[in-house]
Amino acid sequence: MVESFARHVSELDLEPVALDPNQVLEGSPRVSELVLWTSADGGMVAGVWQITEGVVTDVEADELFVVVSGLAAVEIEGGPTLELSPGVMGILHAGDRTVWRIHETLRKVFQVTLEV
């Protein structure tokens, strides 16, 4: 069990995460993250995620997030386009097919529910 904590999100050091080259549509975006908590059954994960400028595709999991810094637009296939900026909270649903257009390096705090 992880002890209770409070951390300043902008000061956390994130670790690089491999991005599938097939997901990159434009630019050379780089992804990094720091997982801060995982539920005992592995079904929920919370942490901080960051991506640099560029355009990428993804298939989402159930996720609640809050943008800490940066600017982006997330186009959901058959749905709305989410305009992301600091302070914006968003919800994505498992199976959503998205295009992330990152205008300025985006950092978000997230909680994802995974199928276990």
PDB file of N, CA and C in Angstrom:
ATOM      1  N   MET A   1       0.843  -1.187   0.000  1.00  0.00           N
ATOM      2  CA  MET A   1       0.000   0.000   0.000  1.00  0.00           C
ATOM      3  C   MET A   1       0.884   1.244   0.000  1.00  0.00           C
ATOM      4  N   VAL A   2       0.559   2.191  -0.853  1.00  0.00           N
ATOM      5  CA  VAL A   2       1.280   3.453  -0.926  1.00  0.00           C
ATOM      6  C   VAL A   2       0.772   4.362   0.183  1.00  0.00           C
ATOM      7  N   GLU A   3       1.703   5.024   0.858  1.00  0.00           N
ATOM      8  CA  GLU A   3       1.312   5.979   1.887  1.00  0.00           C
ATOM      9  C   GLU A   3       0.585   7.152   1.243  1.00  0.00           C
ATOM     10  N   SER A   4      -0.275   7.807   2.015  1.00  0.00           N
ATOM     11  CA  SER A   4      -0.923   9.026   1.538  1.00  0.00           C
ATOM     12  C   SER A   4       0.162  10.063   1.264  1.00  0.00           C
ATOM     13  N   PHE A   5      -0.072  10.924   0.290  1.00  0.00           N
ATOM     14  CA  PHE A   5       0.944  11.919  -0.061  1.00  0.00           C
ATOM     15  C   PHE A   5       0.305  13.108  -0.758  1.00  0.00           C
ATOM     16  N   ALA A   6       1.067  14.172  -0.866  1.00  0.00           N
ATOM     17  CA  ALA A   6       0.722  15.342  -1.678  1.00  0.00           C
ATOM     18  C   ALA A   6       2.013  15.765  -2.366  1.00  0.00           C
ATOM     19  N   ARG A   7       1.935  16.010  -3.660  1.00  0.00           N
ATOM     20  CA  ARG A   7       3.125  16.374  -4.432  1.00  0.00           C
ATOM     21  C   ARG A   7       2.778  17.521  -5.374  1.00  0.00           C
ATOM     22  N   HIS A   8       3.767  18.339  -5.680  1.00  0.00           N
ATOM     23  CA  HIS A   8       3.594  19.415  -6.652  1.00  0.00           C
ATOM     24  C   HIS A   8       3.823  18.818  -8.036  1.00  0.00           C
ATOM     25  N   VAL A   9       2.780  18.739  -8.847  1.00  0.00           N
ATOM     26  CA  VAL A   9       2.812  18.019 -10.119  1.00  0.00           C
ATOM     27  C   VAL A   9       3.872  18.550 -11.080  1.00  0.00           C
ATOM     28  N   SER A  10       4.058  19.857 -11.129  1.00  0.00           N
ATOM     29  CA  SER A  10       5.005  20.418 -12.095  1.00  0.00           C
ATOM     30  C   SER A  10       6.455  20.104 -11.739  1.00  0.00           C
ATOM     31  N   GLU A  11       6.722  19.679 -10.499  1.00  0.00           N
ATOM     32  CA  GLU A  11       8.091  19.399 -10.071  1.00  0.00           C
ATOM     33  C   GLU A  11       8.459  17.918 -10.160  1.00  0.00           C
ATOM     34  N   LEU A  12       7.524  17.058 -10.512  1.00  0.00           N
ATOM     35  CA  LEU A  12       7.798  15.620 -10.574  1.00  0.00           C
ATOM     36  C   LEU A  12       8.621  15.271 -11.810  1.00  0.00           C
ATOM     37  N   ASP A  13       9.588  14.393 -11.633  1.00  0.00           N
ATOM     38  CA  ASP A  13      10.395  13.892 -12.746  1.00  0.00           C
ATOM     39  C   ASP A  13       9.677  12.693 -13.345  1.00  0.00           C
ATOM     40  N   LEU A  14       9.390  12.765 -14.629  1.00  0.00           N
ATOM     41  CA  LEU A  14       8.697  11.690 -15.321  1.00  0.00           C
ATOM     42  C   LEU A  14       9.697  10.841 -16.084  1.00  0.00           C
ATOM     43  N   GLU A  15       9.319   9.587 -16.330  1.00  0.00           N
ATOM     44  CA  GLU A  15      10.175   8.649 -17.051  1.00  0.00           C
ATOM     45  C   GLU A  15       9.703   8.513 -18.502  1.00  0.00           C
ATOM     46  N   PRO A  16      10.625   8.458 -19.466  1.00  0.00           N
ATOM     47  CA  PRO A  16      10.225   8.287 -20.870  1.00  0.00           C
ATOM     48  C   PRO A  16       9.431   6.990 -21.065  1.00  0.00           C
ATOM     49  N   VAL A  17       8.443   7.063 -21.954  1.00  0.00           N
ATOM     50  CA  VAL A  17       7.612   5.915 -22.308  1.00  0.00           C
ATOM     51  C   VAL A  17       7.677   5.761 -23.822  1.00  0.00           C
ATOM     52  N   ALA A  18       7.852   4.544 -24.295  1.00  0.00           N
ATOM     53  CA  ALA A  18       7.912   4.310 -25.737  1.00  0.00           C
ATOM     54  C   ALA A  18       6.563   4.619 -26.378  1.00  0.00           C
ATOM     55  N   LEU A  19       6.613   5.334 -27.469  1.00  0.00           N
ATOM     56  CA  LEU A  19       5.423   5.656 -28.250  1.00  0.00           C
ATOM     57  C   LEU A  19       5.501   4.857 -29.544  1.00  0.00           C
ATOM     58  N   ASP A  20       4.459   4.093 -29.841  1.00  0.00           N
ATOM     59  CA  ASP A  20       4.417   3.299 -31.068  1.00  0.00           C
ATOM     60  C   ASP A  20       4.504   4.252 -32.263  1.00  0.00           C
ATOM     61  N   PRO A  21       5.518   4.104 -33.117  1.00  0.00           N
ATOM     62  CA  PRO A  21       5.665   4.993 -34.276  1.00  0.00           C
ATOM     63  C   PRO A  21       4.424   5.025 -35.170  1.00  0.00           C
ATOM     64  N   ASN A  22       3.627   3.947 -35.173  1.00  0.00           N
ATOM     65  CA  ASN A  22       2.410   3.917 -35.974  1.00  0.00           C
ATOM     66  C   ASN A  22       1.345   4.873 -35.459  1.00  0.00           C
ATOM     67  N   GLN A  23       1.491   5.331 -34.218  1.00  0.00           N
ATOM     68  CA  GLN A  23       0.529   6.278 -33.650  1.00  0.00           C
ATOM     69  C   GLN A  23       0.843   7.724 -34.038  1.00  0.00           C
ATOM     70  N   VAL A  24       2.063   7.989 -34.472  1.00  0.00           N
ATOM     71  CA  VAL A  24       2.491   9.359 -34.763  1.00  0.00           C
ATOM     72  C   VAL A  24       2.037   9.762 -36.157  1.00  0.00           C
ATOM     73  N   LEU A  25       1.240  10.842 -36.212  1.00  0.00           N
ATOM     74  CA  LEU A  25       0.762  11.366 -37.490  1.00  0.00           C
ATOM     75  C   LEU A  25       1.584  12.559 -37.961  1.00  0.00           C
ATOM     76  N   GLU A  26       2.081  13.369 -37.001  1.00  0.00           N
ATOM     77  CA  GLU A  26       2.881  14.554 -37.336  1.00  0.00           C
ATOM     78  C   GLU A  26       3.882  14.822 -36.226  1.00  0.00           C
ATOM     79  N   GLY A  27       5.045  15.347 -36.619  1.00  0.00           N
ATOM     80  CA  GLY A  27       6.053  15.754 -35.648  1.00  0.00           C
ATOM     81  C   GLY A  27       6.794  14.581 -35.047  1.00  0.00           C
ATOM     82  N   SER A  28       7.456  14.866 -33.929  1.00  0.00           N
ATOM     83  CA  SER A  28       8.235  13.856 -33.207  1.00  0.00           C
ATOM     84  C   SER A  28       7.892  13.922 -31.716  1.00  0.00           C
ATOM     85  N   PRO A  29       6.629  13.690 -31.378  1.00  0.00           N
ATOM     86  CA  PRO A  29       6.239  13.816 -29.975  1.00  0.00           C
ATOM     87  C   PRO A  29       6.930  12.775 -29.096  1.00  0.00           C
ATOM     88  N   ARG A  30       7.201  13.173 -27.864  1.00  0.00           N
ATOM     89  CA  ARG A  30       7.775  12.276 -26.865  1.00  0.00           C
ATOM     90  C   ARG A  30       6.820  12.197 -25.682  1.00  0.00           C
ATOM     91  N   VAL A  31       6.662  10.992 -25.144  1.00  0.00           N
ATOM     92  CA  VAL A  31       5.756  10.751 -24.024  1.00  0.00           C
ATOM     93  C   VAL A  31       6.573  10.368 -22.797  1.00  0.00           C
ATOM     94  N   SER A  32       6.135  10.852 -21.638  1.00  0.00           N
ATOM     95  CA  SER A  32       6.730  10.442 -20.367  1.00  0.00           C
ATOM     96  C   SER A  32       5.629  10.380 -19.326  1.00  0.00           C
ATOM     97  N   GLU A  33       5.871   9.605 -18.261  1.00  0.00           N
ATOM     98  CA  GLU A  33       4.866   9.496 -17.214  1.00  0.00           C
ATOM     99  C   GLU A  33       5.500   9.058 -15.908  1.00  0.00           C
ATOM    100  N   LEU A  34       4.714   9.181 -14.852  1.00  0.00           N
ATOM    101  CA  LEU A  34       5.089   8.693 -13.540  1.00  0.00           C
ATOM    102  C   LEU A  34       3.834   8.096 -12.922  1.00  0.00           C
ATOM    103  N   VAL A  35       3.830   6.785 -12.715  1.00  0.00           N
ATOM    104  CA  VAL A  35       2.706   6.133 -12.055  1.00  0.00           C
ATOM    105  C   VAL A  35       2.901   6.320 -10.558  1.00  0.00           C
ATOM    106  N   LEU A  36       1.905   6.909  -9.902  1.00  0.00           N
ATOM    107  CA  LEU A  36       1.982   7.199  -8.473  1.00  0.00           C
ATOM    108  C   LEU A  36       1.208   6.204  -7.622  1.00  0.00           C
ATOM    109  N   TRP A  37       0.252   5.510  -8.238  1.00  0.00           N
ATOM    110  CA  TRP A  37      -0.571   4.576  -7.478  1.00  0.00           C
ATOM    111  C   TRP A  37      -1.189   3.558  -8.422  1.00  0.00           C
ATOM    112  N   THR A  38      -1.230   2.306  -7.975  1.00  0.00           N
ATOM    113  CA  THR A  38      -1.925   1.230  -8.676  1.00  0.00           C
ATOM    114  C   THR A  38      -2.758   0.489  -7.645  1.00  0.00           C
ATOM    115  N   SER A  39      -4.024   0.221  -7.963  1.00  0.00           N
ATOM    116  CA  SER A  39      -4.889  -0.498  -7.031  1.00  0.00           C
ATOM    117  C   SER A  39      -4.357  -1.913  -6.818  1.00  0.00           C
ATOM    118  N   ALA A  40      -4.764  -2.526  -5.721  1.00  0.00           N
ATOM    119  CA  ALA A  40      -4.292  -3.870  -5.368  1.00  0.00           C
ATOM    120  C   ALA A  40      -4.563  -4.889  -6.475  1.00  0.00           C
ATOM    121  N   ASP A  41      -5.698  -4.745  -7.177  1.00  0.00           N
ATOM    122  CA  ASP A  41      -6.031  -5.703  -8.236  1.00  0.00           C
ATOM    123  C   ASP A  41      -5.491  -5.295  -9.603  1.00  0.00           C
ATOM    124  N   GLY A  42      -4.795  -4.149  -9.664  1.00  0.00           N
ATOM    125  CA  GLY A  42      -4.232  -3.672 -10.921  1.00  0.00           C
ATOM    126  C   GLY A  42      -5.247  -3.059 -11.866  1.00  0.00           C
ATOM    127  N   GLY A  43      -6.478  -2.892 -11.396  1.00  0.00           N
ATOM    128  CA  GLY A  43      -7.540  -2.373 -12.249  1.00  0.00           C
ATOM    129  C   GLY A  43      -7.606  -0.863 -12.363  1.00  0.00           C
ATOM    130  N   MET A  44      -6.902  -0.157 -11.476  1.00  0.00           N
ATOM    131  CA  MET A  44      -6.865   1.301 -11.547  1.00  0.00           C
ATOM    132  C   MET A  44      -5.432   1.774 -11.391  1.00  0.00           C
ATOM    133  N   VAL A  45      -5.097   2.805 -12.153  1.00  0.00           N
ATOM    134  CA  VAL A  45      -3.758   3.382 -12.119  1.00  0.00           C
ATOM    135  C   VAL A  45      -3.920   4.898 -12.098  1.00  0.00           C
ATOM    136  N   ALA A  46      -3.099   5.562 -11.277  1.00  0.00           N
ATOM    137  CA  ALA A  46      -3.122   7.027 -11.218  1.00  0.00           C
ATOM    138  C   ALA A  46      -1.699   7.551 -11.321  1.00  0.00           C
ATOM    139  N   GLY A  47      -1.556   8.695 -11.966  1.00  0.00           N
ATOM    140  CA  GLY A  47      -0.231   9.271 -12.096  1.00  0.00           C
ATOM    141  C   GLY A  47      -0.239  10.563 -12.890  1.00  0.00           C
ATOM    142  N   VAL A  48       0.919  10.857 -13.460  1.00  0.00           N
ATOM    143  CA  VAL A  48       1.126  12.076 -14.251  1.00  0.00           C
ATOM    144  C   VAL A  48       1.653  11.632 -15.610  1.00  0.00           C
ATOM    145  N   TRP A  49       1.125  12.250 -16.680  1.00  0.00           N
ATOM    146  CA  TRP A  49       1.477  11.897 -18.057  1.00  0.00           C
ATOM    147  C   TRP A  49       1.785  13.171 -18.813  1.00  0.00           C
ATOM    148  N   GLN A  50       2.753  13.101 -19.720  1.00  0.00           N
ATOM    149  CA  GLN A  50       3.139  14.280 -20.498  1.00  0.00           C
ATOM    150  C   GLN A  50       3.455  13.880 -21.930  1.00  0.00           C
ATOM    151  N   ILE A  51       3.128  14.783 -22.872  1.00  0.00           N
ATOM    152  CA  ILE A  51       3.471  14.584 -24.280  1.00  0.00           C
ATOM    153  C   ILE A  51       3.889  15.924 -24.871  1.00  0.00           C
ATOM    154  N   THR A  52       4.934  15.881 -25.705  1.00  0.00           N
ATOM    155  CA  THR A  52       5.409  17.095 -26.360  1.00  0.00           C
ATOM    156  C   THR A  52       4.636  17.318 -27.667  1.00  0.00           C
ATOM    157  N   GLU A  53       4.913  18.423 -28.330  1.00  0.00           N
ATOM    158  CA  GLU A  53       4.186  18.840 -29.523  1.00  0.00           C
ATOM    159  C   GLU A  53       4.200  17.773 -30.614  1.00  0.00           C
ATOM    160  N   GLY A  54       3.062  17.678 -31.307  1.00  0.00           N
ATOM    161  CA  GLY A  54       2.903  16.735 -32.397  1.00  0.00           C
ATOM    162  C   GLY A  54       1.464  16.264 -32.475  1.00  0.00           C
ATOM    163  N   VAL A  55       1.213  15.287 -33.329  1.00  0.00           N
ATOM    164  CA  VAL A  55      -0.132  14.726 -33.498  1.00  0.00           C
ATOM    165  C   VAL A  55      -0.025  13.210 -33.422  1.00  0.00           C
ATOM    166  N   VAL A  56      -0.839  12.598 -32.542  1.00  0.00           N
ATOM    167  CA  VAL A  56      -0.830  11.147 -32.357  1.00  0.00           C
ATOM    168  C   VAL A  56      -2.261  10.611 -32.290  1.00  0.00           C
ATOM    169  N   THR A  57      -2.386   9.324 -32.582  1.00  0.00           N
ATOM    170  CA  THR A  57      -3.671   8.642 -32.442  1.00  0.00           C
ATOM    171  C   THR A  57      -3.609   7.728 -31.222  1.00  0.00           C
ATOM    172  N   ASP A  58      -4.776   7.375 -30.704  1.00  0.00           N
ATOM    173  CA  ASP A  58      -4.829   6.455 -29.571  1.00  0.00           C
ATOM    174  C   ASP A  58      -6.200   5.802 -29.514  1.00  0.00           C
ATOM    175  N   VAL A  59      -6.271   4.684 -28.807  1.00  0.00           N
ATOM    176  CA  VAL A  59      -7.540   4.065 -28.431  1.00  0.00           C
ATOM    177  C   VAL A  59      -7.547   4.105 -26.907  1.00  0.00           C
ATOM    178  N   GLU A  60      -8.526   4.771 -26.354  1.00  0.00           N
ATOM    179  CA  GLU A  60      -8.525   5.109 -24.939  1.00  0.00           C
ATOM    180  C   GLU A  60      -9.039   4.006 -24.020  1.00  0.00           C
ATOM    181  N   ALA A  61      -8.668   4.133 -22.747  1.00  0.00           N
ATOM    182  CA  ALA A  61      -9.243   3.370 -21.642  1.00  0.00           C
ATOM    183  C   ALA A  61     -10.174   4.341 -20.908  1.00  0.00           C
ATOM    184  N   ASP A  62     -10.964   3.847 -19.960  1.00  0.00           N
ATOM    185  CA  ASP A  62     -11.765   4.750 -19.126  1.00  0.00           C
ATOM    186  C   ASP A  62     -10.802   5.608 -18.307  1.00  0.00           C
ATOM    187  N   GLU A  63     -10.912   6.927 -18.445  1.00  0.00           N
ATOM    188  CA  GLU A  63      -9.943   7.821 -17.807  1.00  0.00           C
ATOM    189  C   GLU A  63     -10.594   9.121 -17.367  1.00  0.00           C
ATOM    190  N   LEU A  64     -10.195   9.560 -16.190  1.00  0.00           N
ATOM    191  CA  LEU A  64     -10.494  10.897 -15.679  1.00  0.00           C
ATOM    192  C   LEU A  64      -9.153  11.613 -15.601  1.00  0.00           C
ATOM    193  N   PHE A  65      -9.086  12.850 -16.115  1.00  0.00           N
ATOM    194  CA  PHE A  65      -7.818  13.578 -16.059  1.00  0.00           C
ATOM    195  C   PHE A  65      -8.055  15.061 -15.827  1.00  0.00           C
ATOM    196  N   VAL A  66      -7.001  15.724 -15.335  1.00  0.00           N
ATOM    197  CA  VAL A  66      -6.985  17.177 -15.173  1.00  0.00           C
ATOM    198  C   VAL A  66      -5.697  17.688 -15.798  1.00  0.00           C
ATOM    199  N   VAL A  67      -5.804  18.664 -16.696  1.00  0.00           N
ATOM    200  CA  VAL A  67      -4.640  19.242 -17.360  1.00  0.00           C
ATOM    201  C   VAL A  67      -3.957  20.212 -16.397  1.00  0.00           C
ATOM    202  N   VAL A  68      -2.648  20.047 -16.267  1.00  0.00           N
ATOM    203  CA  VAL A  68      -1.848  20.899 -15.397  1.00  0.00           C
ATOM    204  C   VAL A  68      -1.185  22.011 -16.205  1.00  0.00           C
ATOM    205  N   SER A  69      -0.695  21.658 -17.394  1.00  0.00           N
ATOM    206  CA  SER A  69      -0.051  22.652 -18.255  1.00  0.00           C
ATOM    207  C   SER A  69      -0.155  22.215 -19.705  1.00  0.00           C
ATOM    208  N   GLY A  70      -0.021  23.191 -20.612  1.00  0.00           N
ATOM    209  CA  GLY A  70      -0.015  22.896 -22.037  1.00  0.00           C
ATOM    210  C   GLY A  70      -1.343  23.159 -22.717  1.00  0.00           C
ATOM    211  N   LEU A  71      -1.321  22.966 -24.030  1.00  0.00           N
ATOM    212  CA  LEU A  71      -2.499  23.184 -24.870  1.00  0.00           C
ATOM    213  C   LEU A  71      -2.621  22.061 -25.888  1.00  0.00           C
ATOM    214  N   ALA A  72      -3.840  21.558 -26.065  1.00  0.00           N
ATOM    215  CA  ALA A  72      -4.069  20.485 -27.029  1.00  0.00           C
ATOM    216  C   ALA A  72      -5.544  20.429 -27.397  1.00  0.00           C
ATOM    217  N   ALA A  73      -5.828  19.724 -28.475  1.00  0.00           N
ATOM    218  CA  ALA A  73      -7.197  19.395 -28.863  1.00  0.00           C
ATOM    219  C   ALA A  73      -7.237  17.888 -29.066  1.00  0.00           C
ATOM    220  N   VAL A  74      -8.250  17.253 -28.499  1.00  0.00           N
ATOM    221  CA  VAL A  74      -8.421  15.813 -28.646  1.00  0.00           C
ATOM    222  C   VAL A  74      -9.701  15.581 -29.433  1.00  0.00           C
ATOM    223  N   GLU A  75      -9.546  15.047 -30.639  1.00  0.00           N
ATOM    224  CA  GLU A  75     -10.682  14.758 -31.506  1.00  0.00           C
ATOM    225  C   GLU A  75     -11.131  13.331 -31.251  1.00  0.00           C
ATOM    226  N   ILE A  76     -12.377  13.160 -30.829  1.00  0.00           N
ATOM    227  CA  ILE A  76     -12.925  11.838 -30.575  1.00  0.00           C
ATOM    228  C   ILE A  76     -13.733  11.423 -31.794  1.00  0.00           C
ATOM    229  N   GLU A  77     -13.364  10.283 -32.398  1.00  0.00           N
ATOM    230  CA  GLU A  77     -14.055   9.794 -33.592  1.00  0.00           C
ATOM    231  C   GLU A  77     -15.555   9.654 -33.291  1.00  0.00           C
ATOM    232  N   GLY A  78     -16.380  10.317 -34.103  1.00  0.00           N
ATOM    233  CA  GLY A  78     -17.822  10.260 -33.920  1.00  0.00           C
ATOM    234  C   GLY A  78     -18.328  11.056 -32.732  1.00  0.00           C
ATOM    235  N   GLY A  79     -17.454  11.880 -32.135  1.00  0.00           N
ATOM    236  CA  GLY A  79     -17.845  12.653 -30.956  1.00  0.00           C
ATOM    237  C   GLY A  79     -17.266  14.052 -30.989  1.00  0.00           C
ATOM    238  N   PRO A  80     -17.173  14.661 -29.824  1.00  0.00           N
ATOM    239  CA  PRO A  80     -16.704  16.050 -29.755  1.00  0.00           C
ATOM    240  C   PRO A  80     -15.187  16.163 -29.870  1.00  0.00           C
ATOM    241  N   THR A  81     -14.736  17.389 -30.042  1.00  0.00           N
ATOM    242  CA  THR A  81     -13.320  17.728 -29.914  1.00  0.00           C
ATOM    243  C   THR A  81     -13.158  18.414 -28.569  1.00  0.00           C
ATOM    244  N   LEU A  82     -12.250  17.892 -27.751  1.00  0.00           N
ATOM    245  CA  LEU A  82     -12.011  18.438 -26.421  1.00  0.00           C
ATOM    246  C   LEU A  82     -10.853  19.429 -26.495  1.00  0.00           C
ATOM    247  N   GLU A  83     -11.095  20.666 -26.098  1.00  0.00           N
ATOM    248  CA  GLU A  83     -10.053  21.687 -26.065  1.00  0.00           C
ATOM    249  C   GLU A  83      -9.429  21.660 -24.676  1.00  0.00           C
ATOM    250  N   LEU A  84      -8.137  21.337 -24.625  1.00  0.00           N
ATOM    251  CA  LEU A  84      -7.458  21.157 -23.345  1.00  0.00           C
ATOM    252  C   LEU A  84      -6.506  22.308 -23.050  1.00  0.00           C
ATOM    253  N   SER A  85      -6.587  22.808 -21.824  1.00  0.00           N
ATOM    254  CA  SER A  85      -5.710  23.855 -21.313  1.00  0.00           C
ATOM    255  C   SER A  85      -5.636  23.678 -19.800  1.00  0.00           C
ATOM    256  N   PRO A  86      -4.716  24.382 -19.130  1.00  0.00           N
ATOM    257  CA  PRO A  86      -4.570  24.191 -17.689  1.00  0.00           C
ATOM    258  C   PRO A  86      -5.894  24.373 -16.937  1.00  0.00           C
ATOM    259  N   GLY A  87      -6.151  23.422 -16.041  1.00  0.00           N
ATOM    260  CA  GLY A  87      -7.360  23.457 -15.225  1.00  0.00           C
ATOM    261  C   GLY A  87      -8.540  22.705 -15.804  1.00  0.00           C
ATOM    262  N   VAL A  88      -8.449  22.271 -17.053  1.00  0.00           N
ATOM    263  CA  VAL A  88      -9.554  21.554 -17.687  1.00  0.00           C
ATOM    264  C   VAL A  88      -9.554  20.098 -17.220  1.00  0.00           C
ATOM    265  N   MET A  89     -10.740  19.622 -16.822  1.00  0.00           N
ATOM    266  CA  MET A  89     -10.928  18.222 -16.455  1.00  0.00           C
ATOM    267  C   MET A  89     -11.611  17.528 -17.620  1.00  0.00           C
ATOM    268  N   GLY A  90     -11.220  16.290 -17.896  1.00  0.00           N
ATOM    269  CA  GLY A  90     -11.842  15.554 -18.982  1.00  0.00           C
ATOM    270  C   GLY A  90     -12.099  14.108 -18.609  1.00  0.00           C
ATOM    271  N   ILE A  91     -13.009  13.503 -19.358  1.00  0.00           N
ATOM    272  CA  ILE A  91     -13.305  12.082 -19.211  1.00  0.00           C
ATOM    273  C   ILE A  91     -13.253  11.460 -20.598  1.00  0.00           C
ATOM    274  N   LEU A  92     -12.527  10.357 -20.705  1.00  0.00           N
ATOM    275  CA  LEU A  92     -12.476   9.567 -21.929  1.00  0.00           C
ATOM    276  C   LEU A  92     -13.040   8.190 -21.606  1.00  0.00           C
ATOM    277  N   HIS A  93     -13.625   7.553 -22.602  1.00  0.00           N
ATOM    278  CA  HIS A  93     -14.243   6.241 -22.398  1.00  0.00           C
ATOM    279  C   HIS A  93     -13.459   5.153 -23.125  1.00  0.00           C
ATOM    280  N   ALA A  94     -13.444   3.965 -22.530  1.00  0.00           N
ATOM    281  CA  ALA A  94     -12.757   2.829 -23.132  1.00  0.00           C
ATOM    282  C   ALA A  94     -13.262   2.627 -24.564  1.00  0.00           C
ATOM    283  N   GLY A  95     -12.317   2.493 -25.479  1.00  0.00           N
ATOM    284  CA  GLY A  95     -12.656   2.272 -26.875  1.00  0.00           C
ATOM    285  C   GLY A  95     -12.731   3.538 -27.707  1.00  0.00           C
ATOM    286  N   ASP A  96     -12.764   4.728 -27.059  1.00  0.00           N
ATOM    287  CA  ASP A  96     -12.747   5.969 -27.830  1.00  0.00           C
ATOM    288  C   ASP A  96     -11.518   5.979 -28.724  1.00  0.00           C
ATOM    289  N   ARG A  97     -11.722   6.245 -30.013  1.00  0.00           N
ATOM    290  CA  ARG A  97     -10.608   6.412 -30.944  1.00  0.00           C
ATOM    291  C   ARG A  97     -10.361   7.906 -31.053  1.00  0.00           C
ATOM    292  N   THR A  98      -9.120   8.316 -30.746  1.00  0.00           N
ATOM    293  CA  THR A  98      -8.819   9.732 -30.639  1.00  0.00           C
ATOM    294  C   THR A  98      -7.634  10.140 -31.495  1.00  0.00           C
ATOM    295  N   VAL A  99      -7.605  11.434 -31.827  1.00  0.00           N
ATOM    296  CA  VAL A  99      -6.438  12.088 -32.407  1.00  0.00           C
ATOM    297  C   VAL A  99      -6.094  13.230 -31.462  1.00  0.00           C
ATOM    298  N   TRP A 100      -4.873  13.192 -30.929  1.00  0.00           N
ATOM    299  CA  TRP A 100      -4.375  14.219 -30.012  1.00  0.00           C
ATOM    300  C   TRP A 100      -3.513  15.197 -30.799  1.00  0.00           C
ATOM    301  N   ARG A 101      -3.937  16.457 -30.859  1.00  0.00           N
ATOM    302  CA  ARG A 101      -3.164  17.519 -31.511  1.00  0.00           C
ATOM    303  C   ARG A 101      -2.555  18.371 -30.396  1.00  0.00           C
ATOM    304  N   ILE A 102      -1.277  18.144 -30.136  1.00  0.00           N
ATOM    305  CA  ILE A 102      -0.585  18.808 -29.035  1.00  0.00           C
ATOM    306  C   ILE A 102       0.067  20.076 -29.568  1.00  0.00           C
ATOM    307  N   HIS A 103      -0.440  21.229 -29.127  1.00  0.00           N
ATOM    308  CA  HIS A 103       0.068  22.534 -29.580  1.00  0.00           C
ATOM    309  C   HIS A 103       1.213  23.023 -28.700  1.00  0.00           C
ATOM    310  N   GLU A 104       1.180  22.638 -27.412  1.00  0.00           N
ATOM    311  CA  GLU A 104       2.188  23.035 -26.433  1.00  0.00           C
ATOM    312  C   GLU A 104       2.295  21.878 -25.447  1.00  0.00           C
ATOM    313  N   THR A 105       3.502  21.469 -25.084  1.00  0.00           N
ATOM    314  CA  THR A 105       3.704  20.300 -24.221  1.00  0.00           C
ATOM    315  C   THR A 105       2.617  20.215 -23.156  1.00  0.00           C
ATOM    316  N   LEU A 106       1.931  19.066 -23.136  1.00  0.00           N
ATOM    317  CA  LEU A 106       0.765  18.855 -22.265  1.00  0.00           C
ATOM    318  C   LEU A 106       1.157  17.940 -21.104  1.00  0.00           C
ATOM    319  N   ARG A 107       0.815  18.369 -19.880  1.00  0.00           N
ATOM    320  CA  ARG A 107       1.008  17.535 -18.693  1.00  0.00           C
ATOM    321  C   ARG A 107      -0.341  17.414 -18.003  1.00  0.00           C
ATOM    322  N   LYS A 108      -0.708  16.176 -17.656  1.00  0.00           N
ATOM    323  CA  LYS A 108      -1.993  15.936 -17.005  1.00  0.00           C
ATOM    324  C   LYS A 108      -1.830  14.940 -15.868  1.00  0.00           C
ATOM    325  N   VAL A 109      -2.708  15.055 -14.900  1.00  0.00           N
ATOM    326  CA  VAL A 109      -2.839  14.067 -13.844  1.00  0.00           C
ATOM    327  C   VAL A 109      -3.983  13.172 -14.268  1.00  0.00           C
ATOM    328  N   PHE A 110      -3.805  11.848 -14.124  1.00  0.00           N
ATOM    329  CA  PHE A 110      -4.823  10.934 -14.629  1.00  0.00           C
ATOM    330  C   PHE A 110      -5.155   9.820 -13.637  1.00  0.00           C
ATOM    331  N   GLN A 111      -6.334   9.290 -13.799  1.00  0.00           N
ATOM    332  CA  GLN A 111      -6.713   8.020 -13.169  1.00  0.00           C
ATOM    333  C   GLN A 111      -7.408   7.198 -14.235  1.00  0.00           C
ATOM    334  N   VAL A 112      -6.858   6.007 -14.502  1.00  0.00           N
ATOM    335  CA  VAL A 112      -7.360   5.128 -15.552  1.00  0.00           C
ATOM    336  C   VAL A 112      -7.919   3.861 -14.911  1.00  0.00           C
ATOM    337  N   THR A 113      -9.069   3.428 -15.427  1.00  0.00           N
ATOM    338  CA  THR A 113      -9.629   2.150 -15.024  1.00  0.00           C
ATOM    339  C   THR A 113      -9.372   1.174 -16.157  1.00  0.00           C
ATOM    340  N   LEU A 114      -8.702   0.071 -15.828  1.00  0.00           N
ATOM    341  CA  LEU A 114      -8.317  -0.930 -16.830  1.00  0.00           C
ATOM    342  C   LEU A 114      -9.194  -2.160 -16.698  1.00  0.00           C
ATOM    343  N   GLU A 115      -9.307  -2.894 -17.768  1.00  0.00           N
ATOM    344  CA  GLU A 115     -10.006  -4.181 -17.708  1.00  0.00           C
ATOM    345  C   GLU A 115      -9.025  -5.204 -17.168  1.00  0.00           C
ATOM    346  N   VAL A 116      -9.375  -5.855 -16.058  1.00  0.00           N
ATOM    347  CA  VAL A 116      -8.490  -6.885 -15.484  1.00  0.00           C
ATOM    348  C   VAL A 116      -9.130  -8.248 -15.567  1.00  0.00           C
TER     349      VAL A 116
END
